[in-house]
């Protein structure tokens, strides 16, 4: 009987999707028992408390869930930005360290959470862009400079040089919208934004 019920539940799901327990309650009269059975047999993967992934298969095996899908399901919201201190390395300001850290700017959660096999640091912020532009990343780097394992003076010197070469209008807006008070002072008092 339980096999028939779990098979019926699986037929209603789409491979490659992440589901919350609350999404699955409508498909079962004993959702916890059925979810437990599906996880035990490997049909579903538990990726966090109350979150399940119906794996998609490829020629190379099971495809892990996409980060954005995990975060969207966890937050129950589409308004977030996934970034990493590793992105600063592409700015050409002397950062070279590699970090095993994903940062999620969002409006709901704050703290460290493991979703699937990835550790995320959720940071609740009132404002962040839809995508991480070079201007945003430069401002974000200065906001988070104290948390980086880099030579801070050298990085700030190169940030100043980089800032003077960027579009002053776009950079000025990023500093105003996303910079901490300290970051805004550094950019404005240091005259890092060319006139």
N, C-alpha and C. Protein backbone atom coordinates (compact mmCIF):
# COMPACT_ATOMS: atom_id res chain seq x y z
N UNK A 1 0.82 -1.21 0.00
CA UNK A 1 0.00 0.00 0.00
C UNK A 1 0.86 1.27 0.00
N UNK A 2 1.93 1.27 0.85
CA UNK A 2 2.78 2.46 0.91
C UNK A 2 3.52 2.67 -0.40
N UNK A 3 3.88 1.58 -1.09
CA UNK A 3 4.57 1.69 -2.39
C UNK A 3 3.66 2.36 -3.41
N UNK A 4 2.42 1.97 -3.43
CA UNK A 4 1.46 2.58 -4.37
C UNK A 4 1.31 4.07 -4.09
N UNK A 5 1.25 4.43 -2.81
CA UNK A 5 1.09 5.84 -2.44
C UNK A 5 2.34 6.66 -2.80
N UNK A 6 3.52 6.08 -2.56
CA UNK A 6 4.74 6.82 -2.89
C UNK A 6 4.91 6.94 -4.40
N UNK A 7 4.54 5.90 -5.14
CA UNK A 7 4.61 5.97 -6.61
C UNK A 7 3.65 7.05 -7.12
N UNK A 8 2.48 7.11 -6.52
CA UNK A 8 1.50 8.12 -6.91
C UNK A 8 2.05 9.53 -6.63
N UNK A 9 2.72 9.70 -5.50
CA UNK A 9 3.30 10.99 -5.16
C UNK A 9 4.39 11.38 -6.17
N UNK A 10 5.25 10.43 -6.52
CA UNK A 10 6.34 10.69 -7.46
C UNK A 10 5.81 11.09 -8.83
N UNK A 11 4.71 10.49 -9.25
CA UNK A 11 4.15 10.82 -10.57
C UNK A 11 3.74 12.29 -10.65
N UNK A 12 3.45 12.89 -9.52
CA UNK A 12 3.03 14.30 -9.50
C UNK A 12 4.21 15.27 -9.45
N UNK A 13 5.41 14.74 -9.29
CA UNK A 13 6.60 15.58 -9.16
C UNK A 13 7.38 15.61 -10.47
N UNK A 14 8.20 16.67 -10.61
CA UNK A 14 9.05 16.81 -11.80
C UNK A 14 10.50 16.63 -11.42
N UNK A 15 11.20 15.82 -12.19
CA UNK A 15 12.63 15.61 -11.93
C UNK A 15 13.39 16.94 -12.03
N UNK A 16 14.39 17.07 -11.17
CA UNK A 16 15.22 18.27 -11.18
C UNK A 16 14.65 19.42 -10.36
N UNK A 17 13.53 19.17 -9.67
CA UNK A 17 12.89 20.23 -8.87
C UNK A 17 13.11 20.00 -7.38
N UNK A 18 13.12 21.10 -6.64
CA UNK A 18 13.22 21.06 -5.18
C UNK A 18 11.83 21.36 -4.62
N UNK A 19 11.42 20.56 -3.66
CA UNK A 19 10.09 20.73 -3.06
C UNK A 19 10.20 20.91 -1.55
N UNK A 20 9.35 21.74 -1.02
CA UNK A 20 9.21 21.86 0.43
C UNK A 20 8.19 20.83 0.89
N UNK A 21 8.30 20.40 2.12
CA UNK A 21 7.35 19.43 2.68
C UNK A 21 5.92 19.94 2.50
N UNK A 22 5.72 21.23 2.72
CA UNK A 22 4.37 21.82 2.61
C UNK A 22 3.82 21.71 1.18
N UNK A 23 4.73 21.70 0.16
CA UNK A 23 4.28 21.53 -1.23
C UNK A 23 3.75 20.12 -1.47
N UNK A 24 4.25 19.17 -0.69
CA UNK A 24 3.94 17.76 -0.94
C UNK A 24 2.77 17.24 -0.10
N UNK A 25 2.35 18.01 0.88
CA UNK A 25 1.25 17.57 1.75
C UNK A 25 -0.03 17.27 0.97
N UNK A 26 -0.27 18.02 -0.10
CA UNK A 26 -1.49 17.84 -0.89
C UNK A 26 -1.51 16.50 -1.63
N UNK A 27 -0.34 15.87 -1.78
CA UNK A 27 -0.25 14.62 -2.53
C UNK A 27 -0.24 13.38 -1.63
N UNK A 28 -0.42 13.58 -0.32
CA UNK A 28 -0.32 12.44 0.58
C UNK A 28 -1.13 12.67 1.85
N UNK A 29 -1.66 11.57 2.38
CA UNK A 29 -2.37 11.64 3.67
C UNK A 29 -1.42 11.35 4.82
N UNK A 30 -0.24 10.82 4.51
CA UNK A 30 0.79 10.53 5.51
C UNK A 30 2.13 11.01 4.94
N UNK A 31 2.25 12.30 4.76
CA UNK A 31 3.39 12.87 4.02
C UNK A 31 4.74 12.51 4.63
N UNK A 32 4.88 12.53 5.94
CA UNK A 32 6.18 12.22 6.55
C UNK A 32 6.59 10.77 6.32
N UNK A 33 5.63 9.86 6.44
CA UNK A 33 5.92 8.44 6.21
C UNK A 33 6.31 8.22 4.75
N UNK A 34 5.56 8.82 3.84
CA UNK A 34 5.85 8.65 2.41
C UNK A 34 7.18 9.30 2.02
N UNK A 35 7.45 10.47 2.56
CA UNK A 35 8.74 11.11 2.27
C UNK A 35 9.89 10.27 2.81
N UNK A 36 9.72 9.74 4.02
CA UNK A 36 10.76 8.88 4.61
C UNK A 36 11.04 7.67 3.74
N UNK A 37 9.97 7.05 3.22
CA UNK A 37 10.13 5.87 2.36
C UNK A 37 10.82 6.25 1.05
N UNK A 38 10.45 7.39 0.46
CA UNK A 38 11.06 7.82 -0.81
C UNK A 38 12.53 8.18 -0.63
N UNK A 39 12.88 8.79 0.50
CA UNK A 39 14.29 9.12 0.77
C UNK A 39 15.06 7.82 1.00
N UNK A 40 14.49 6.90 1.76
CA UNK A 40 15.16 5.63 2.05
C UNK A 40 15.47 4.84 0.78
N UNK A 41 14.53 4.85 -0.16
CA UNK A 41 14.76 4.10 -1.41
C UNK A 41 15.60 4.90 -2.42
N UNK A 42 15.90 6.16 -2.12
CA UNK A 42 16.75 6.97 -2.99
C UNK A 42 16.01 7.71 -4.09
N UNK A 43 14.69 7.65 -4.10
CA UNK A 43 13.92 8.36 -5.13
C UNK A 43 13.95 9.87 -4.90
N UNK A 44 13.97 10.27 -3.62
CA UNK A 44 14.10 11.69 -3.25
C UNK A 44 15.34 11.86 -2.39
N UNK A 45 15.93 13.05 -2.44
CA UNK A 45 17.05 13.38 -1.57
C UNK A 45 16.62 14.49 -0.62
N UNK A 46 16.91 14.31 0.65
CA UNK A 46 16.62 15.38 1.62
C UNK A 46 17.79 16.35 1.55
N UNK A 47 17.52 17.61 1.17
CA UNK A 47 18.60 18.58 0.97
C UNK A 47 18.69 19.58 2.12
N UNK A 48 17.67 19.62 2.97
CA UNK A 48 17.65 20.48 4.16
C UNK A 48 16.40 20.08 4.94
N UNK A 49 16.30 20.51 6.19
CA UNK A 49 15.07 20.17 6.93
C UNK A 49 13.83 20.67 6.18
N UNK A 50 12.93 19.74 5.88
CA UNK A 50 11.69 20.09 5.19
C UNK A 50 11.83 20.37 3.70
N UNK A 51 13.00 20.05 3.10
CA UNK A 51 13.22 20.29 1.67
C UNK A 51 13.74 19.02 1.00
N UNK A 52 13.16 18.72 -0.18
CA UNK A 52 13.48 17.47 -0.88
C UNK A 52 13.73 17.76 -2.35
N UNK A 53 14.68 17.01 -2.91
CA UNK A 53 15.04 17.15 -4.32
C UNK A 53 14.70 15.85 -5.04
N UNK A 54 14.01 15.99 -6.17
CA UNK A 54 13.71 14.84 -7.02
C UNK A 54 14.77 14.81 -8.10
N UNK A 55 15.81 13.98 -7.94
CA UNK A 55 16.99 14.06 -8.81
C UNK A 55 16.70 13.82 -10.29
N UNK A 56 17.42 14.59 -11.07
CA UNK A 56 17.42 14.44 -12.52
C UNK A 56 18.63 13.56 -12.85
N UNK A 57 18.48 12.69 -13.81
CA UNK A 57 19.58 11.80 -14.17
C UNK A 57 20.17 12.22 -15.51
N UNK A 58 21.50 12.06 -15.61
CA UNK A 58 22.19 12.31 -16.88
C UNK A 58 23.03 11.07 -17.18
N UNK A 59 23.76 11.10 -18.27
CA UNK A 59 24.62 9.97 -18.63
C UNK A 59 25.72 9.75 -17.59
N UNK A 60 26.00 10.80 -16.79
CA UNK A 60 27.07 10.73 -15.79
C UNK A 60 26.53 10.47 -14.39
N UNK A 61 25.24 10.23 -14.26
CA UNK A 61 24.66 9.96 -12.95
C UNK A 61 23.66 11.03 -12.55
N UNK A 62 23.44 11.13 -11.25
CA UNK A 62 22.48 12.11 -10.72
C UNK A 62 23.02 13.53 -10.85
N UNK A 63 22.17 14.43 -11.30
CA UNK A 63 22.53 15.84 -11.43
C UNK A 63 22.15 16.53 -10.12
N UNK A 64 23.10 17.23 -9.48
CA UNK A 64 22.75 17.91 -8.23
C UNK A 64 21.78 19.07 -8.49
N UNK A 65 21.04 19.48 -7.47
CA UNK A 65 20.12 20.60 -7.66
C UNK A 65 20.87 21.90 -7.90
N UNK A 66 20.28 22.79 -8.68
CA UNK A 66 20.89 24.09 -8.95
C UNK A 66 20.82 24.95 -7.69
N UNK A 67 21.89 25.70 -7.46
CA UNK A 67 21.96 26.55 -6.26
C UNK A 67 20.77 27.50 -6.17
N UNK A 68 20.43 28.13 -7.29
CA UNK A 68 19.34 29.09 -7.29
C UNK A 68 18.02 28.44 -6.89
N UNK A 69 17.83 27.20 -7.33
CA UNK A 69 16.60 26.47 -7.01
C UNK A 69 16.54 26.15 -5.51
N UNK A 70 17.68 25.75 -4.94
CA UNK A 70 17.74 25.47 -3.51
C UNK A 70 17.42 26.72 -2.70
N UNK A 71 18.06 27.82 -3.08
CA UNK A 71 17.88 29.08 -2.34
C UNK A 71 16.45 29.58 -2.48
N UNK A 72 15.91 29.53 -3.69
CA UNK A 72 14.54 30.00 -3.93
C UNK A 72 13.55 29.21 -3.08
N UNK A 73 13.71 27.90 -3.04
CA UNK A 73 12.81 27.05 -2.26
C UNK A 73 12.99 27.31 -0.76
N UNK A 74 14.23 27.49 -0.33
CA UNK A 74 14.52 27.73 1.09
C UNK A 74 13.91 29.05 1.55
N UNK A 75 14.07 30.09 0.73
CA UNK A 75 13.56 31.41 1.11
C UNK A 75 12.07 31.59 0.83
N UNK A 76 11.53 30.76 -0.07
CA UNK A 76 10.17 30.95 -0.59
C UNK A 76 10.06 32.36 -1.18
N UNK A 77 11.08 32.73 -1.95
CA UNK A 77 11.16 34.09 -2.49
C UNK A 77 12.11 34.08 -3.69
N UNK A 78 11.84 34.94 -4.67
CA UNK A 78 12.70 35.08 -5.84
C UNK A 78 13.69 36.23 -5.71
N UNK A 79 13.55 37.02 -4.65
CA UNK A 79 14.39 38.21 -4.51
C UNK A 79 15.62 37.88 -3.68
N UNK A 80 16.70 37.52 -4.37
CA UNK A 80 17.97 37.22 -3.71
C UNK A 80 19.09 37.33 -4.74
N UNK A 81 20.32 37.42 -4.23
CA UNK A 81 21.50 37.46 -5.08
C UNK A 81 22.53 36.51 -4.48
N UNK A 82 22.93 35.49 -5.26
CA UNK A 82 23.97 34.56 -4.82
C UNK A 82 25.30 35.08 -5.33
N UNK A 83 26.23 35.27 -4.42
CA UNK A 83 27.55 35.77 -4.79
C UNK A 83 28.60 35.03 -3.96
N UNK A 84 29.86 35.39 -4.14
CA UNK A 84 30.95 34.74 -3.41
C UNK A 84 32.14 35.68 -3.37
N UNK A 85 32.94 35.63 -2.30
CA UNK A 85 34.17 36.43 -2.29
C UNK A 85 35.10 36.07 -3.46
N UNK A 86 34.95 34.87 -4.03
CA UNK A 86 35.77 34.48 -5.18
C UNK A 86 35.53 35.40 -6.38
N UNK A 87 34.35 36.00 -6.46
CA UNK A 87 34.02 36.89 -7.59
C UNK A 87 34.92 38.12 -7.59
N UNK A 88 35.44 38.51 -6.41
CA UNK A 88 36.32 39.69 -6.33
C UNK A 88 37.60 39.46 -7.13
N UNK A 89 38.02 38.20 -7.27
CA UNK A 89 39.26 37.89 -7.98
C UNK A 89 39.23 38.32 -9.44
N UNK A 90 38.03 38.46 -10.01
CA UNK A 90 37.90 38.87 -11.42
C UNK A 90 38.00 40.38 -11.61
N UNK A 91 38.07 41.13 -10.52
CA UNK A 91 38.12 42.59 -10.62
C UNK A 91 39.52 43.11 -10.94
N UNK A 92 40.55 42.30 -10.73
CA UNK A 92 41.91 42.73 -11.01
C UNK A 92 42.46 43.71 -9.98
N UNK A 93 42.09 43.49 -8.71
CA UNK A 93 42.56 44.40 -7.64
C UNK A 93 43.47 43.67 -6.65
N UNK A 94 44.01 42.55 -7.05
CA UNK A 94 44.99 41.85 -6.22
C UNK A 94 44.43 40.80 -5.29
N UNK A 95 43.14 40.52 -5.34
CA UNK A 95 42.61 39.43 -4.51
C UNK A 95 42.82 38.13 -5.27
N UNK A 96 43.34 37.14 -4.56
CA UNK A 96 43.65 35.86 -5.20
C UNK A 96 43.18 34.66 -4.39
N UNK A 97 42.75 34.90 -3.15
CA UNK A 97 42.33 33.79 -2.29
C UNK A 97 41.08 33.12 -2.86
N UNK A 98 40.96 31.83 -2.60
CA UNK A 98 39.75 31.09 -2.96
C UNK A 98 39.02 30.74 -1.67
N UNK A 99 37.72 31.00 -1.65
CA UNK A 99 36.90 30.79 -0.47
C UNK A 99 35.84 29.74 -0.77
N UNK A 100 35.60 28.89 0.20
CA UNK A 100 34.52 27.90 0.07
C UNK A 100 33.28 28.52 0.72
N UNK A 101 32.77 29.57 0.08
CA UNK A 101 31.69 30.33 0.69
C UNK A 101 30.78 30.90 -0.38
N UNK A 102 29.51 30.69 -0.21
CA UNK A 102 28.49 31.29 -1.06
C UNK A 102 27.70 32.24 -0.17
N UNK A 103 27.54 33.47 -0.62
CA UNK A 103 26.81 34.47 0.14
C UNK A 103 25.49 34.74 -0.59
N UNK A 104 24.40 34.76 0.17
CA UNK A 104 23.08 35.01 -0.40
C UNK A 104 22.52 36.28 0.23
N UNK A 105 22.50 37.36 -0.54
CA UNK A 105 21.85 38.58 -0.07
C UNK A 105 20.36 38.41 -0.30
N UNK A 106 19.56 38.70 0.73
CA UNK A 106 18.13 38.47 0.65
C UNK A 106 17.41 39.37 1.64
N UNK A 107 16.09 39.30 1.65
CA UNK A 107 15.27 40.14 2.54
C UNK A 107 14.70 39.38 3.73
N UNK A 108 14.98 38.06 3.85
CA UNK A 108 14.28 37.26 4.85
C UNK A 108 15.16 36.59 5.90
N UNK A 109 16.29 36.02 5.50
CA UNK A 109 17.07 35.16 6.40
C UNK A 109 18.47 35.72 6.66
N UNK A 110 19.00 35.36 7.84
CA UNK A 110 20.37 35.73 8.20
C UNK A 110 20.98 34.54 8.93
N UNK A 111 22.15 34.11 8.51
CA UNK A 111 22.83 33.00 9.17
C UNK A 111 23.41 32.02 8.18
N UNK A 112 24.08 31.00 8.72
CA UNK A 112 24.71 29.97 7.91
C UNK A 112 23.81 28.74 7.83
N UNK A 113 23.60 28.26 6.59
CA UNK A 113 22.75 27.10 6.37
C UNK A 113 23.39 26.20 5.33
N UNK A 114 23.21 24.89 5.52
CA UNK A 114 23.67 23.93 4.52
C UNK A 114 22.46 23.47 3.73
N UNK A 115 22.51 23.68 2.42
CA UNK A 115 21.44 23.23 1.52
C UNK A 115 22.07 22.29 0.52
N UNK A 116 21.62 21.06 0.50
CA UNK A 116 22.26 20.06 -0.34
C UNK A 116 23.67 19.84 0.20
N UNK A 117 24.66 19.95 -0.66
CA UNK A 117 26.06 19.79 -0.23
C UNK A 117 26.79 21.12 -0.17
N UNK A 118 26.06 22.22 -0.19
CA UNK A 118 26.67 23.54 -0.22
C UNK A 118 26.33 24.33 1.03
N UNK A 119 27.35 24.99 1.57
CA UNK A 119 27.15 25.88 2.72
C UNK A 119 26.89 27.29 2.19
N UNK A 120 25.84 27.90 2.67
CA UNK A 120 25.48 29.26 2.28
C UNK A 120 25.48 30.16 3.51
N UNK A 121 25.95 31.38 3.32
CA UNK A 121 25.82 32.40 4.34
C UNK A 121 24.74 33.36 3.86
N UNK A 122 23.62 33.38 4.55
CA UNK A 122 22.51 34.26 4.19
C UNK A 122 22.69 35.58 4.93
N UNK A 123 22.64 36.67 4.17
CA UNK A 123 22.81 38.00 4.73
C UNK A 123 21.57 38.81 4.38
N UNK A 124 20.88 39.25 5.41
CA UNK A 124 19.66 40.04 5.21
C UNK A 124 20.07 41.47 4.93
N UNK A 125 19.67 41.98 3.77
CA UNK A 125 20.01 43.35 3.36
C UNK A 125 18.78 44.02 2.76
N UNK A 126 18.65 45.32 2.97
CA UNK A 126 17.50 46.01 2.38
C UNK A 126 17.64 46.21 0.87
N UNK A 127 18.91 46.34 0.39
CA UNK A 127 19.13 46.63 -1.04
C UNK A 127 20.27 45.78 -1.59
N UNK A 128 20.05 45.24 -2.76
CA UNK A 128 21.09 44.54 -3.52
C UNK A 128 20.59 44.46 -4.96
N UNK A 129 21.51 44.38 -5.92
CA UNK A 129 21.07 44.34 -7.33
C UNK A 129 20.56 42.95 -7.72
N UNK A 130 19.96 42.87 -8.90
CA UNK A 130 19.48 41.58 -9.40
C UNK A 130 20.64 40.70 -9.85
N UNK A 131 21.72 41.34 -10.28
CA UNK A 131 22.91 40.58 -10.67
C UNK A 131 24.15 41.33 -10.19
N UNK A 132 25.23 40.60 -10.02
CA UNK A 132 26.46 41.17 -9.47
C UNK A 132 27.28 41.84 -10.58
N UNK A 133 27.14 43.15 -10.71
CA UNK A 133 27.93 43.92 -11.69
C UNK A 133 29.32 44.17 -11.12
N UNK A 134 30.25 44.62 -11.97
CA UNK A 134 31.60 44.96 -11.51
C UNK A 134 31.55 46.07 -10.47
N UNK A 135 30.66 47.05 -10.69
CA UNK A 135 30.54 48.16 -9.75
C UNK A 135 30.06 47.67 -8.38
N UNK A 136 29.04 46.81 -8.39
CA UNK A 136 28.54 46.26 -7.13
C UNK A 136 29.63 45.46 -6.43
N UNK A 137 30.34 44.60 -7.18
CA UNK A 137 31.37 43.76 -6.58
C UNK A 137 32.49 44.59 -5.96
N UNK A 138 32.87 45.69 -6.60
CA UNK A 138 33.92 46.55 -6.05
C UNK A 138 33.46 47.16 -4.72
N UNK A 139 32.23 47.63 -4.68
CA UNK A 139 31.66 48.19 -3.45
C UNK A 139 31.54 47.09 -2.40
N UNK A 140 31.07 45.92 -2.79
CA UNK A 140 30.89 44.80 -1.87
C UNK A 140 32.23 44.36 -1.30
N UNK A 141 33.27 44.35 -2.12
CA UNK A 141 34.62 44.00 -1.66
C UNK A 141 35.04 44.95 -0.54
N UNK A 142 34.86 46.25 -0.74
CA UNK A 142 35.25 47.22 0.29
C UNK A 142 34.38 47.05 1.54
N UNK A 143 33.09 46.79 1.35
CA UNK A 143 32.20 46.52 2.50
C UNK A 143 32.72 45.35 3.35
N UNK A 144 33.27 44.33 2.68
CA UNK A 144 33.66 43.09 3.35
C UNK A 144 35.18 42.91 3.50
N UNK A 145 35.93 43.97 3.29
CA UNK A 145 37.40 43.88 3.28
C UNK A 145 37.95 43.26 4.56
N UNK A 146 37.37 43.56 5.70
CA UNK A 146 37.88 43.04 6.97
C UNK A 146 37.71 41.53 7.11
N UNK A 147 36.87 40.93 6.31
CA UNK A 147 36.65 39.48 6.39
C UNK A 147 37.55 38.70 5.42
N UNK A 148 38.32 39.41 4.60
CA UNK A 148 39.15 38.76 3.59
C UNK A 148 40.57 38.53 4.08
N UNK A 149 41.19 37.46 3.59
CA UNK A 149 42.56 37.11 3.96
C UNK A 149 43.52 37.71 2.94
N UNK A 150 43.48 39.01 2.79
CA UNK A 150 44.30 39.70 1.80
C UNK A 150 45.05 40.85 2.48
N UNK A 151 46.06 41.40 1.82
CA UNK A 151 46.76 42.59 2.29
C UNK A 151 45.82 43.78 2.04
N UNK A 152 45.21 44.27 3.09
CA UNK A 152 44.14 45.27 2.96
C UNK A 152 44.62 46.57 2.33
N UNK A 153 45.81 47.04 2.72
CA UNK A 153 46.33 48.30 2.15
C UNK A 153 46.56 48.18 0.65
N UNK A 154 47.14 47.07 0.26
CA UNK A 154 47.42 46.84 -1.17
C UNK A 154 46.10 46.75 -1.95
N UNK A 155 45.13 46.02 -1.40
CA UNK A 155 43.85 45.88 -2.09
C UNK A 155 43.16 47.24 -2.21
N UNK A 156 43.13 48.02 -1.13
CA UNK A 156 42.48 49.34 -1.19
C UNK A 156 43.15 50.25 -2.20
N UNK A 157 44.48 50.18 -2.29
CA UNK A 157 45.20 50.99 -3.27
C UNK A 157 44.78 50.62 -4.69
N UNK A 158 44.65 49.31 -4.94
CA UNK A 158 44.25 48.86 -6.28
C UNK A 158 42.77 49.13 -6.54
N UNK A 159 41.95 49.07 -5.48
CA UNK A 159 40.52 49.41 -5.63
C UNK A 159 40.40 50.86 -6.06
N UNK A 160 41.20 51.74 -5.45
CA UNK A 160 41.17 53.16 -5.80
C UNK A 160 41.53 53.35 -7.28
N UNK A 161 42.57 52.65 -7.74
CA UNK A 161 42.98 52.74 -9.15
C UNK A 161 41.87 52.23 -10.07
N UNK A 162 41.30 51.09 -9.69
CA UNK A 162 40.23 50.48 -10.51
C UNK A 162 39.01 51.41 -10.56
N UNK A 163 38.66 51.98 -9.43
CA UNK A 163 37.48 52.85 -9.34
C UNK A 163 37.61 54.05 -10.27
N UNK A 164 38.79 54.61 -10.35
CA UNK A 164 39.01 55.81 -11.20
C UNK A 164 38.87 55.49 -12.69
N UNK A 165 38.96 54.20 -13.05
CA UNK A 165 38.85 53.79 -14.45
C UNK A 165 37.42 53.35 -14.82
N UNK A 166 36.55 53.24 -13.81
CA UNK A 166 35.19 52.77 -14.07
C UNK A 166 34.27 53.93 -14.41
N UNK A 167 33.12 53.59 -14.96
CA UNK A 167 32.10 54.59 -15.27
C UNK A 167 31.68 55.29 -13.96
N UNK A 168 31.97 56.59 -13.84
CA UNK A 168 31.71 57.27 -12.56
C UNK A 168 30.23 57.30 -12.16
N UNK A 169 29.36 57.35 -13.13
CA UNK A 169 27.92 57.40 -12.83
C UNK A 169 27.45 56.07 -12.24
N UNK A 170 27.83 54.97 -12.91
CA UNK A 170 27.42 53.64 -12.44
C UNK A 170 28.05 53.33 -11.08
N UNK A 171 29.34 53.67 -10.93
CA UNK A 171 30.03 53.38 -9.67
C UNK A 171 29.47 54.25 -8.55
N UNK A 172 29.21 55.52 -8.85
CA UNK A 172 28.63 56.42 -7.84
C UNK A 172 27.28 55.91 -7.33
N UNK A 173 26.48 55.40 -8.25
CA UNK A 173 25.17 54.86 -7.86
C UNK A 173 25.33 53.60 -7.00
N UNK A 174 26.28 52.73 -7.38
CA UNK A 174 26.52 51.50 -6.60
C UNK A 174 27.01 51.85 -5.19
N UNK A 175 27.89 52.83 -5.09
CA UNK A 175 28.40 53.25 -3.77
C UNK A 175 27.24 53.78 -2.93
N UNK A 176 26.41 54.61 -3.53
CA UNK A 176 25.27 55.21 -2.80
C UNK A 176 24.25 54.15 -2.39
N UNK A 177 23.95 53.22 -3.30
CA UNK A 177 22.90 52.22 -3.05
C UNK A 177 23.35 51.07 -2.15
N UNK A 178 24.62 50.64 -2.27
CA UNK A 178 25.04 49.41 -1.62
C UNK A 178 26.21 49.56 -0.64
N UNK A 179 26.84 50.72 -0.61
CA UNK A 179 28.00 50.90 0.25
C UNK A 179 27.62 51.17 1.70
N UNK A 180 28.41 50.59 2.62
CA UNK A 180 28.23 50.90 4.04
C UNK A 180 28.68 52.35 4.24
N UNK A 181 28.44 52.89 5.40
CA UNK A 181 28.86 54.28 5.70
C UNK A 181 30.37 54.40 5.52
N UNK A 182 31.12 53.42 6.04
CA UNK A 182 32.58 53.43 5.92
C UNK A 182 33.02 53.36 4.44
N UNK A 183 32.36 52.50 3.68
CA UNK A 183 32.70 52.36 2.26
C UNK A 183 32.40 53.65 1.51
N UNK A 184 31.26 54.28 1.78
CA UNK A 184 30.92 55.54 1.12
C UNK A 184 31.95 56.61 1.43
N UNK A 185 32.43 56.66 2.68
CA UNK A 185 33.46 57.65 3.05
C UNK A 185 34.75 57.40 2.29
N UNK A 186 35.15 56.13 2.19
CA UNK A 186 36.39 55.80 1.47
C UNK A 186 36.30 56.23 0.01
N UNK A 187 35.20 55.92 -0.64
CA UNK A 187 35.05 56.27 -2.06
C UNK A 187 34.95 57.79 -2.24
N UNK A 188 34.16 58.45 -1.41
CA UNK A 188 33.92 59.88 -1.60
C UNK A 188 35.06 60.76 -1.08
N UNK A 189 35.57 60.47 0.13
CA UNK A 189 36.64 61.28 0.68
C UNK A 189 37.97 61.01 -0.02
N UNK A 190 38.14 59.77 -0.48
CA UNK A 190 39.37 59.43 -1.20
C UNK A 190 39.33 59.86 -2.65
N UNK A 191 38.19 60.41 -3.06
CA UNK A 191 37.99 60.85 -4.46
C UNK A 191 38.34 59.73 -5.44
N UNK A 192 37.83 58.53 -5.12
CA UNK A 192 38.09 57.38 -5.98
C UNK A 192 37.20 57.39 -7.22
N UNK A 193 36.16 58.17 -7.19
CA UNK A 193 35.26 58.23 -8.35
C UNK A 193 35.64 59.47 -9.15
N UNK A 194 36.08 59.25 -10.39
CA UNK A 194 36.52 60.38 -11.22
C UNK A 194 35.33 61.27 -11.58
N UNK A 195 35.60 62.54 -11.66
CA UNK A 195 34.52 63.51 -11.93
C UNK A 195 34.11 63.47 -13.38
